[in-house]
């Protein structure tokens, strides 16, 4: 083998190793996102559906099941719940010709998702912080007159990098 061939071989092996590391990093990142969203959305199934729909908007339940590896019945049930909770939106897929037009789904923006849960978290934190006041109060009248809320959470959208460049 010539020196030139050895060099190409080493470059090829290095490129393969870099691609494998990049794939592993993406998989770990995706799993980290799913883990975080599992807490926000209650289950890993719902989180995987949400992530899939952010990557592949306007997908049918069949496409989601195939793309996530989840059972179709599980996907349909979770989509119904997510739709009821206004985390995913659905519309009839437009198609030419006769036949069944399935629903296609898309997920709301992450900022909207976080904005929706901030109020719940804020209420729970305030309950915890005010627990001693509630337990120590001598009468119900005192309890009702208290309106202090020690926790206030606000969510602001960050400007995109495109805005910074202009």
N, C-alpha and C. Protein backbone atom coordinates (compact mmCIF):
# COMPACT_ATOMS: atom_id res chain seq x y z
N UNK A 1 0.85 -1.17 0.00
CA UNK A 1 0.00 0.00 0.00
C UNK A 1 0.89 1.24 0.00
N UNK A 2 0.59 2.17 -0.88
CA UNK A 2 1.40 3.38 -0.98
C UNK A 2 1.09 4.33 0.17
N UNK A 3 1.98 5.28 0.36
CA UNK A 3 1.81 6.29 1.40
C UNK A 3 0.53 7.08 1.14
N UNK A 4 0.26 7.35 -0.12
CA UNK A 4 -0.94 8.09 -0.49
C UNK A 4 -2.20 7.30 -0.13
N UNK A 5 -2.21 6.00 -0.40
CA UNK A 5 -3.36 5.14 -0.06
C UNK A 5 -3.54 5.05 1.46
N UNK A 6 -2.43 4.96 2.20
CA UNK A 6 -2.51 4.92 3.66
C UNK A 6 -3.12 6.21 4.20
N UNK A 7 -2.74 7.32 3.62
CA UNK A 7 -3.28 8.63 4.04
C UNK A 7 -4.78 8.70 3.80
N UNK A 8 -5.22 8.25 2.62
CA UNK A 8 -6.66 8.25 2.31
C UNK A 8 -7.43 7.34 3.26
N UNK A 9 -6.82 6.18 3.55
CA UNK A 9 -7.45 5.21 4.45
C UNK A 9 -7.62 5.81 5.85
N UNK A 10 -6.56 6.48 6.35
CA UNK A 10 -6.65 7.11 7.66
C UNK A 10 -7.69 8.21 7.68
N UNK A 11 -7.74 9.00 6.63
CA UNK A 11 -8.74 10.08 6.54
C UNK A 11 -10.15 9.48 6.52
N UNK A 12 -10.33 8.41 5.75
CA UNK A 12 -11.63 7.75 5.68
C UNK A 12 -12.06 7.21 7.03
N UNK A 13 -11.12 6.54 7.73
CA UNK A 13 -11.44 6.01 9.07
C UNK A 13 -11.74 7.13 10.05
N UNK A 14 -10.99 8.22 9.96
CA UNK A 14 -11.24 9.37 10.83
C UNK A 14 -12.60 9.98 10.58
N UNK A 15 -12.99 10.08 9.31
CA UNK A 15 -14.29 10.62 8.94
C UNK A 15 -15.41 9.73 9.48
N UNK A 16 -15.25 8.41 9.35
CA UNK A 16 -16.25 7.47 9.87
C UNK A 16 -16.41 7.61 11.38
N UNK A 17 -15.26 7.72 12.07
CA UNK A 17 -15.30 7.86 13.53
C UNK A 17 -16.00 9.16 13.93
N UNK A 18 -15.72 10.26 13.22
CA UNK A 18 -16.38 11.53 13.50
C UNK A 18 -17.89 11.44 13.27
N UNK A 19 -18.29 10.78 12.19
CA UNK A 19 -19.71 10.62 11.91
C UNK A 19 -20.40 9.79 12.99
N UNK A 20 -19.73 8.73 13.47
CA UNK A 20 -20.30 7.91 14.55
C UNK A 20 -20.46 8.73 15.82
N UNK A 21 -19.44 9.54 16.15
CA UNK A 21 -19.50 10.38 17.35
C UNK A 21 -20.60 11.43 17.22
N UNK A 22 -20.75 12.00 16.03
CA UNK A 22 -21.81 12.99 15.81
C UNK A 22 -23.18 12.35 15.97
N UNK A 23 -23.36 11.16 15.42
CA UNK A 23 -24.63 10.44 15.57
C UNK A 23 -24.92 10.15 17.04
N UNK A 24 -23.90 9.73 17.78
CA UNK A 24 -24.09 9.42 19.20
C UNK A 24 -24.45 10.69 19.97
N UNK A 25 -23.80 11.82 19.65
CA UNK A 25 -24.10 13.09 20.33
C UNK A 25 -25.54 13.53 20.06
N UNK A 26 -25.98 13.37 18.81
CA UNK A 26 -27.37 13.74 18.47
C UNK A 26 -28.34 12.85 19.22
N UNK A 27 -28.07 11.53 19.26
CA UNK A 27 -28.95 10.61 19.99
C UNK A 27 -29.03 10.97 21.46
N UNK A 28 -27.88 11.30 22.08
CA UNK A 28 -27.86 11.66 23.49
C UNK A 28 -28.61 12.97 23.72
N UNK A 29 -28.44 13.93 22.80
CA UNK A 29 -29.14 15.20 22.91
C UNK A 29 -30.65 14.98 22.81
N UNK A 30 -31.06 14.19 21.80
CA UNK A 30 -32.48 13.91 21.62
C UNK A 30 -33.06 13.23 22.85
N UNK A 31 -32.32 12.27 23.45
CA UNK A 31 -32.81 11.58 24.64
C UNK A 31 -32.91 12.55 25.81
N UNK A 32 -31.97 13.48 25.91
CA UNK A 32 -32.03 14.50 26.97
C UNK A 32 -33.27 15.36 26.84
N UNK A 33 -33.60 15.74 25.61
CA UNK A 33 -34.80 16.53 25.36
C UNK A 33 -36.04 15.72 25.72
N UNK A 34 -36.06 14.46 25.32
CA UNK A 34 -37.21 13.60 25.63
C UNK A 34 -37.36 13.45 27.14
N UNK A 35 -36.24 13.28 27.85
CA UNK A 35 -36.31 13.15 29.31
C UNK A 35 -36.90 14.40 29.95
N UNK A 36 -36.46 15.56 29.51
CA UNK A 36 -36.99 16.82 30.04
C UNK A 36 -38.47 16.97 29.71
N UNK A 37 -38.82 16.70 28.47
CA UNK A 37 -40.22 16.82 28.06
C UNK A 37 -41.11 15.78 28.73
N UNK A 38 -40.54 14.64 29.09
CA UNK A 38 -41.33 13.62 29.80
C UNK A 38 -41.84 14.19 31.11
N UNK A 39 -41.04 15.00 31.75
CA UNK A 39 -41.47 15.64 33.00
C UNK A 39 -42.57 16.67 32.70
N UNK A 40 -42.39 17.45 31.65
CA UNK A 40 -43.35 18.50 31.30
C UNK A 40 -44.66 17.90 30.79
N UNK A 41 -44.56 16.84 29.98
CA UNK A 41 -45.75 16.28 29.33
C UNK A 41 -46.28 15.01 30.00
N UNK A 42 -45.74 14.64 31.12
CA UNK A 42 -46.19 13.51 31.96
C UNK A 42 -45.66 12.15 31.57
N UNK A 43 -45.41 11.86 30.29
CA UNK A 43 -44.92 10.54 29.92
C UNK A 43 -43.88 10.65 28.80
N UNK A 44 -43.04 9.63 28.70
CA UNK A 44 -42.06 9.59 27.62
C UNK A 44 -42.75 9.45 26.27
N UNK A 45 -43.85 8.71 26.23
CA UNK A 45 -44.59 8.53 24.98
C UNK A 45 -45.03 9.88 24.42
N UNK A 46 -45.65 10.69 25.27
CA UNK A 46 -46.12 12.01 24.84
C UNK A 46 -44.94 12.89 24.43
N UNK A 47 -43.83 12.78 25.15
CA UNK A 47 -42.64 13.57 24.82
C UNK A 47 -42.08 13.15 23.46
N UNK A 48 -42.01 11.85 23.19
CA UNK A 48 -41.49 11.38 21.91
C UNK A 48 -42.39 11.84 20.76
N UNK A 49 -43.69 11.85 20.97
CA UNK A 49 -44.62 12.33 19.94
C UNK A 49 -44.40 13.82 19.71
N UNK A 50 -44.26 14.59 20.79
CA UNK A 50 -44.05 16.03 20.68
C UNK A 50 -42.76 16.33 19.89
N UNK A 51 -41.67 15.66 20.26
CA UNK A 51 -40.39 15.88 19.57
C UNK A 51 -40.52 15.50 18.09
N UNK A 52 -41.16 14.38 17.81
CA UNK A 52 -41.34 13.95 16.42
C UNK A 52 -42.12 15.01 15.63
N UNK A 53 -43.19 15.53 16.23
CA UNK A 53 -44.00 16.52 15.52
C UNK A 53 -43.28 17.86 15.35
N UNK A 54 -42.37 18.18 16.25
CA UNK A 54 -41.57 19.40 16.04
C UNK A 54 -40.61 19.20 14.87
N UNK A 55 -40.13 17.97 14.69
CA UNK A 55 -39.22 17.67 13.59
C UNK A 55 -39.96 17.40 12.28
N UNK A 56 -41.15 16.82 12.37
CA UNK A 56 -41.94 16.44 11.19
C UNK A 56 -43.38 16.96 11.34
N UNK A 57 -43.58 18.27 11.22
CA UNK A 57 -44.93 18.81 11.39
C UNK A 57 -45.89 18.27 10.31
N UNK A 58 -47.15 18.28 10.65
CA UNK A 58 -48.23 17.83 9.76
C UNK A 58 -48.08 16.36 9.38
N UNK A 59 -47.82 15.55 10.38
CA UNK A 59 -47.74 14.10 10.21
C UNK A 59 -49.03 13.45 10.67
N UNK A 60 -49.35 12.33 10.07
CA UNK A 60 -50.53 11.55 10.49
C UNK A 60 -50.14 10.65 11.66
N UNK A 61 -51.13 10.10 12.33
CA UNK A 61 -50.84 9.20 13.45
C UNK A 61 -50.03 8.00 12.97
N UNK A 62 -50.32 7.51 11.77
CA UNK A 62 -49.56 6.39 11.21
C UNK A 62 -48.09 6.75 11.00
N UNK A 63 -47.85 7.92 10.47
CA UNK A 63 -46.47 8.38 10.25
C UNK A 63 -45.74 8.56 11.59
N UNK A 64 -46.45 9.07 12.58
CA UNK A 64 -45.85 9.26 13.90
C UNK A 64 -45.49 7.92 14.52
N UNK A 65 -46.41 6.95 14.42
CA UNK A 65 -46.15 5.61 14.97
C UNK A 65 -44.92 5.00 14.30
N UNK A 66 -44.85 5.12 13.00
CA UNK A 66 -43.71 4.56 12.26
C UNK A 66 -42.42 5.27 12.62
N UNK A 67 -42.48 6.60 12.74
CA UNK A 67 -41.28 7.39 13.03
C UNK A 67 -40.78 7.27 14.45
N UNK A 68 -41.67 6.98 15.39
CA UNK A 68 -41.27 6.89 16.80
C UNK A 68 -41.10 5.46 17.28
N UNK A 69 -41.64 4.50 16.52
CA UNK A 69 -41.59 3.11 16.96
C UNK A 69 -42.63 2.76 18.01
N UNK A 70 -43.60 3.66 18.21
CA UNK A 70 -44.67 3.42 19.17
C UNK A 70 -45.83 2.68 18.50
N UNK A 71 -46.62 1.98 19.31
CA UNK A 71 -47.79 1.30 18.76
C UNK A 71 -48.79 2.33 18.24
N UNK A 72 -49.42 2.07 17.09
CA UNK A 72 -50.39 3.01 16.53
C UNK A 72 -51.52 3.36 17.51
N UNK A 73 -52.02 2.39 18.25
CA UNK A 73 -53.10 2.68 19.20
C UNK A 73 -52.62 3.61 20.32
N UNK A 74 -51.38 3.43 20.75
CA UNK A 74 -50.80 4.30 21.79
C UNK A 74 -50.66 5.72 21.26
N UNK A 75 -50.22 5.83 20.01
CA UNK A 75 -50.06 7.15 19.39
C UNK A 75 -51.40 7.84 19.27
N UNK A 76 -52.43 7.13 18.79
CA UNK A 76 -53.75 7.74 18.64
C UNK A 76 -54.30 8.22 19.98
N UNK A 77 -54.15 7.41 21.02
CA UNK A 77 -54.64 7.79 22.35
C UNK A 77 -53.91 9.03 22.87
N UNK A 78 -52.59 9.02 22.74
CA UNK A 78 -51.80 10.15 23.21
C UNK A 78 -52.09 11.42 22.41
N UNK A 79 -52.27 11.28 21.11
CA UNK A 79 -52.61 12.44 20.28
C UNK A 79 -53.94 13.05 20.69
N UNK A 80 -54.91 12.20 21.01
CA UNK A 80 -56.22 12.70 21.46
C UNK A 80 -56.06 13.52 22.74
N UNK A 81 -55.28 13.00 23.68
CA UNK A 81 -55.04 13.73 24.93
C UNK A 81 -54.30 15.04 24.67
N UNK A 82 -53.23 14.98 23.87
CA UNK A 82 -52.45 16.18 23.57
C UNK A 82 -53.29 17.22 22.82
N UNK A 83 -54.18 16.76 21.97
CA UNK A 83 -55.07 17.68 21.27
C UNK A 83 -56.05 18.34 22.24
N UNK A 84 -56.63 17.53 23.14
CA UNK A 84 -57.55 18.08 24.14
C UNK A 84 -56.87 19.11 25.02
N UNK A 85 -55.58 18.91 25.29
CA UNK A 85 -54.81 19.82 26.13
C UNK A 85 -54.20 20.98 25.32
N UNK A 86 -54.50 21.02 24.02
CA UNK A 86 -54.05 22.06 23.11
C UNK A 86 -52.52 22.13 22.98
N UNK A 87 -51.88 20.96 23.07
CA UNK A 87 -50.43 20.86 22.89
C UNK A 87 -50.12 20.51 21.44
N UNK A 88 -51.03 19.80 20.79
CA UNK A 88 -50.92 19.56 19.36
C UNK A 88 -52.19 20.08 18.69
N UNK A 89 -52.02 20.49 17.46
CA UNK A 89 -53.15 20.95 16.65
C UNK A 89 -53.35 19.93 15.54
N UNK A 90 -54.57 19.81 15.08
CA UNK A 90 -54.82 18.86 14.00
C UNK A 90 -55.71 19.49 12.93
N UNK A 91 -55.58 18.95 11.75
CA UNK A 91 -56.41 19.37 10.62
C UNK A 91 -56.52 18.19 9.68
N UNK A 92 -57.54 18.22 8.84
CA UNK A 92 -57.71 17.16 7.84
C UNK A 92 -56.67 17.35 6.74
N UNK A 93 -56.04 16.28 6.36
CA UNK A 93 -55.06 16.32 5.28
C UNK A 93 -55.81 16.51 3.96
N UNK A 94 -55.35 17.45 3.20
CA UNK A 94 -55.94 17.71 1.89
C UNK A 94 -55.43 16.67 0.90
N UNK A 95 -56.34 16.06 0.17
CA UNK A 95 -55.90 15.12 -0.85
C UNK A 95 -56.85 15.21 -2.03
N UNK A 96 -56.31 14.93 -3.18
CA UNK A 96 -57.12 14.94 -4.39
C UNK A 96 -57.76 13.57 -4.53
N UNK A 97 -59.00 13.55 -4.92
CA UNK A 97 -59.68 12.28 -5.13
C UNK A 97 -60.49 11.86 -3.92
N UNK A 98 -61.22 10.80 -4.13
CA UNK A 98 -62.08 10.28 -3.08
C UNK A 98 -61.26 9.46 -2.10
N UNK A 99 -61.79 9.29 -0.92
CA UNK A 99 -61.10 8.47 0.07
C UNK A 99 -61.04 9.14 1.41
N UNK A 100 -60.43 8.46 2.31
CA UNK A 100 -60.32 8.93 3.67
C UNK A 100 -59.19 9.96 3.78
N UNK A 101 -59.51 11.13 4.29
CA UNK A 101 -58.50 12.15 4.54
C UNK A 101 -58.17 12.11 6.03
N UNK A 102 -57.02 11.56 6.39
CA UNK A 102 -56.68 11.44 7.82
C UNK A 102 -56.32 12.79 8.42
N UNK A 103 -56.36 12.85 9.75
CA UNK A 103 -55.87 14.04 10.43
C UNK A 103 -54.36 14.08 10.35
N UNK A 104 -53.84 15.29 10.24
CA UNK A 104 -52.41 15.49 10.37
C UNK A 104 -52.20 16.43 11.55
N UNK A 105 -51.11 16.19 12.27
CA UNK A 105 -50.88 16.88 13.53
C UNK A 105 -49.60 17.70 13.48
N UNK A 106 -49.59 18.76 14.26
CA UNK A 106 -48.40 19.56 14.46
C UNK A 106 -48.38 19.98 15.93
N UNK A 107 -47.18 20.15 16.48
CA UNK A 107 -47.04 20.50 17.89
C UNK A 107 -46.87 22.02 18.04
N UNK A 108 -47.37 22.55 19.15
CA UNK A 108 -47.20 23.97 19.42
C UNK A 108 -45.73 24.27 19.67
N UNK A 109 -45.37 25.52 19.59
CA UNK A 109 -43.99 25.94 19.80
C UNK A 109 -43.57 25.67 21.24
N UNK A 110 -42.29 25.36 21.45
CA UNK A 110 -41.81 25.12 22.82
C UNK A 110 -42.09 26.28 23.76
N UNK A 111 -41.98 27.52 23.28
CA UNK A 111 -42.26 28.67 24.15
C UNK A 111 -43.71 28.68 24.60
N UNK A 112 -44.62 28.25 23.73
CA UNK A 112 -46.03 28.16 24.12
C UNK A 112 -46.24 27.02 25.12
N UNK A 113 -45.53 25.93 24.92
CA UNK A 113 -45.62 24.79 25.84
C UNK A 113 -45.17 25.21 27.24
N UNK A 114 -44.03 25.88 27.32
CA UNK A 114 -43.51 26.33 28.61
C UNK A 114 -44.44 27.37 29.22
N UNK A 115 -44.93 28.28 28.42
CA UNK A 115 -45.84 29.30 28.93
C UNK A 115 -47.08 28.70 29.55
N UNK A 116 -47.55 27.58 29.00
CA UNK A 116 -48.74 26.93 29.52
C UNK A 116 -48.54 26.28 30.87
N UNK A 117 -47.33 25.84 31.16
CA UNK A 117 -47.11 25.15 32.44
C UNK A 117 -46.57 26.07 33.52
N UNK A 118 -46.13 27.26 33.14
CA UNK A 118 -45.57 28.19 34.12
C UNK A 118 -46.58 28.50 35.22
N UNK A 119 -47.82 28.76 34.86
CA UNK A 119 -48.85 29.07 35.86
C UNK A 119 -49.05 27.94 36.84
N UNK A 120 -49.04 26.70 36.34
CA UNK A 120 -49.20 25.54 37.22
C UNK A 120 -48.04 25.45 38.20
N UNK A 121 -46.83 25.61 37.71
CA UNK A 121 -45.65 25.53 38.56
C UNK A 121 -45.66 26.66 39.58
N UNK A 122 -46.01 27.84 39.15
CA UNK A 122 -46.06 28.99 40.04
C UNK A 122 -47.06 28.75 41.16
N UNK A 123 -48.24 28.24 40.86
CA UNK A 123 -49.25 27.95 41.88
C UNK A 123 -48.75 26.90 42.87
N UNK A 124 -48.10 25.85 42.35
CA UNK A 124 -47.59 24.80 43.24
C UNK A 124 -46.49 25.34 44.15
N UNK A 125 -45.59 26.15 43.61
CA UNK A 125 -44.54 26.74 44.45
C UNK A 125 -45.12 27.66 45.51
N UNK A 126 -46.09 28.47 45.13
CA UNK A 126 -46.72 29.36 46.10
C UNK A 126 -47.41 28.58 47.21
N UNK A 127 -48.03 27.48 46.87
CA UNK A 127 -48.67 26.64 47.89
C UNK A 127 -47.62 26.12 48.87
N UNK A 128 -46.49 25.67 48.34
CA UNK A 128 -45.43 25.16 49.21
C UNK A 128 -44.87 26.28 50.09
N UNK A 129 -44.58 27.44 49.49
CA UNK A 129 -44.00 28.54 50.26
C UNK A 129 -44.96 29.10 51.30
N UNK A 130 -46.23 29.04 51.03
CA UNK A 130 -47.23 29.55 51.98
C UNK A 130 -47.76 28.47 52.91
N UNK A 131 -47.25 27.26 52.83
CA UNK A 131 -47.75 26.16 53.63
C UNK A 131 -47.67 26.45 55.13
N UNK A 132 -46.53 26.97 55.58
CA UNK A 132 -46.40 27.30 57.01
C UNK A 132 -47.43 28.33 57.44
N UNK A 133 -47.63 29.35 56.59
CA UNK A 133 -48.64 30.36 56.92
C UNK A 133 -50.01 29.73 57.04
N UNK A 134 -50.33 28.82 56.13
CA UNK A 134 -51.64 28.16 56.15
C UNK A 134 -51.78 27.26 57.37
N UNK A 135 -50.71 26.56 57.72
CA UNK A 135 -50.77 25.64 58.86
C UNK A 135 -50.76 26.38 60.20
N UNK A 136 -50.07 27.54 60.26
CA UNK A 136 -49.94 28.28 61.51
C UNK A 136 -51.10 29.24 61.76
N UNK A 137 -51.90 29.51 60.76
CA UNK A 137 -52.97 30.50 60.95
C UNK A 137 -53.97 29.99 61.98
N UNK A 138 -54.47 30.91 62.78
CA UNK A 138 -55.37 30.52 63.87
C UNK A 138 -56.82 30.41 63.42
N UNK A 139 -57.17 31.16 62.40
CA UNK A 139 -58.56 31.11 61.94
C UNK A 139 -58.62 31.07 60.43
N UNK A 140 -59.74 30.63 59.92
CA UNK A 140 -59.93 30.61 58.47
C UNK A 140 -59.98 32.03 57.91
N UNK A 141 -60.45 32.97 58.71
CA UNK A 141 -60.54 34.36 58.24
C UNK A 141 -59.15 34.90 57.93
N UNK A 142 -58.19 34.60 58.81
CA UNK A 142 -56.82 35.04 58.55
C UNK A 142 -56.29 34.42 57.26
N UNK A 143 -56.60 33.16 57.07
CA UNK A 143 -56.14 32.43 55.88
C UNK A 143 -56.69 33.07 54.62
N UNK A 144 -57.96 33.43 54.64
CA UNK A 144 -58.59 34.02 53.45
C UNK A 144 -58.07 35.42 53.16
N UNK A 145 -57.64 36.15 54.19
CA UNK A 145 -57.19 37.52 53.97
C UNK A 145 -55.78 37.58 53.40
N UNK A 146 -55.03 36.48 53.48
CA UNK A 146 -53.67 36.47 52.96
C UNK A 146 -53.69 36.31 51.44
N UNK A 147 -52.99 37.20 50.77
CA UNK A 147 -52.91 37.09 49.32
C UNK A 147 -51.48 37.16 48.82
N UNK A 148 -50.51 37.05 49.72
CA UNK A 148 -49.12 37.16 49.28
C UNK A 148 -48.75 35.95 48.43
N UNK A 149 -48.10 36.23 47.34
CA UNK A 149 -47.63 35.19 46.43
C UNK A 149 -46.14 35.41 46.24
N UNK A 150 -45.31 34.65 46.95
CA UNK A 150 -43.87 34.90 46.89
C UNK A 150 -43.20 34.53 45.58
N UNK A 151 -43.85 33.72 44.74
CA UNK A 151 -43.22 33.28 43.50
C UNK A 151 -43.95 33.87 42.31
N UNK A 152 -43.19 34.46 41.43
CA UNK A 152 -43.74 34.98 40.18
C UNK A 152 -42.79 34.58 39.06
N UNK A 153 -43.31 33.88 38.06
CA UNK A 153 -42.50 33.40 36.95
C UNK A 153 -42.99 34.07 35.68
N UNK A 154 -42.05 34.58 34.90
CA UNK A 154 -42.43 35.14 33.60
C UNK A 154 -41.58 34.49 32.52
N UNK A 155 -42.17 34.31 31.35
CA UNK A 155 -41.48 33.70 30.23
C UNK A 155 -41.43 34.73 29.11
N UNK A 156 -40.21 34.97 28.63
CA UNK A 156 -40.04 35.90 27.54
C UNK A 156 -39.38 35.17 26.38
N UNK A 157 -39.79 35.50 25.16
CA UNK A 157 -39.16 34.89 24.00
C UNK A 157 -37.82 35.56 23.76
N UNK A 158 -36.82 34.73 23.47
CA UNK A 158 -35.48 35.23 23.19
C UNK A 158 -35.43 35.64 21.73
N UNK A 159 -34.71 36.75 21.47
CA UNK A 159 -34.54 37.18 20.09
C UNK A 159 -33.67 36.19 19.37
N UNK A 160 -34.00 35.91 18.11
CA UNK A 160 -33.21 34.96 17.34
C UNK A 160 -31.90 35.60 16.91
N UNK A 161 -30.95 34.75 16.55
CA UNK A 161 -29.64 35.24 16.09
C UNK A 161 -29.77 36.06 14.82
N UNK A 162 -30.80 35.77 14.01
CA UNK A 162 -31.01 36.52 12.77
C UNK A 162 -31.28 37.99 13.07
N UNK A 163 -32.02 38.26 14.17
CA UNK A 163 -32.31 39.64 14.54
C UNK A 163 -31.06 40.37 14.97
N UNK A 164 -30.12 39.66 15.61
CA UNK A 164 -28.90 40.27 16.09
C UNK A 164 -28.00 40.70 14.94
N UNK A 165 -28.03 39.95 13.85
CA UNK A 165 -27.14 40.22 12.72
C UNK A 165 -27.58 41.43 11.91
N UNK A 166 -28.85 41.76 11.96
CA UNK A 166 -29.37 42.86 11.12
C UNK A 166 -29.04 44.21 11.69
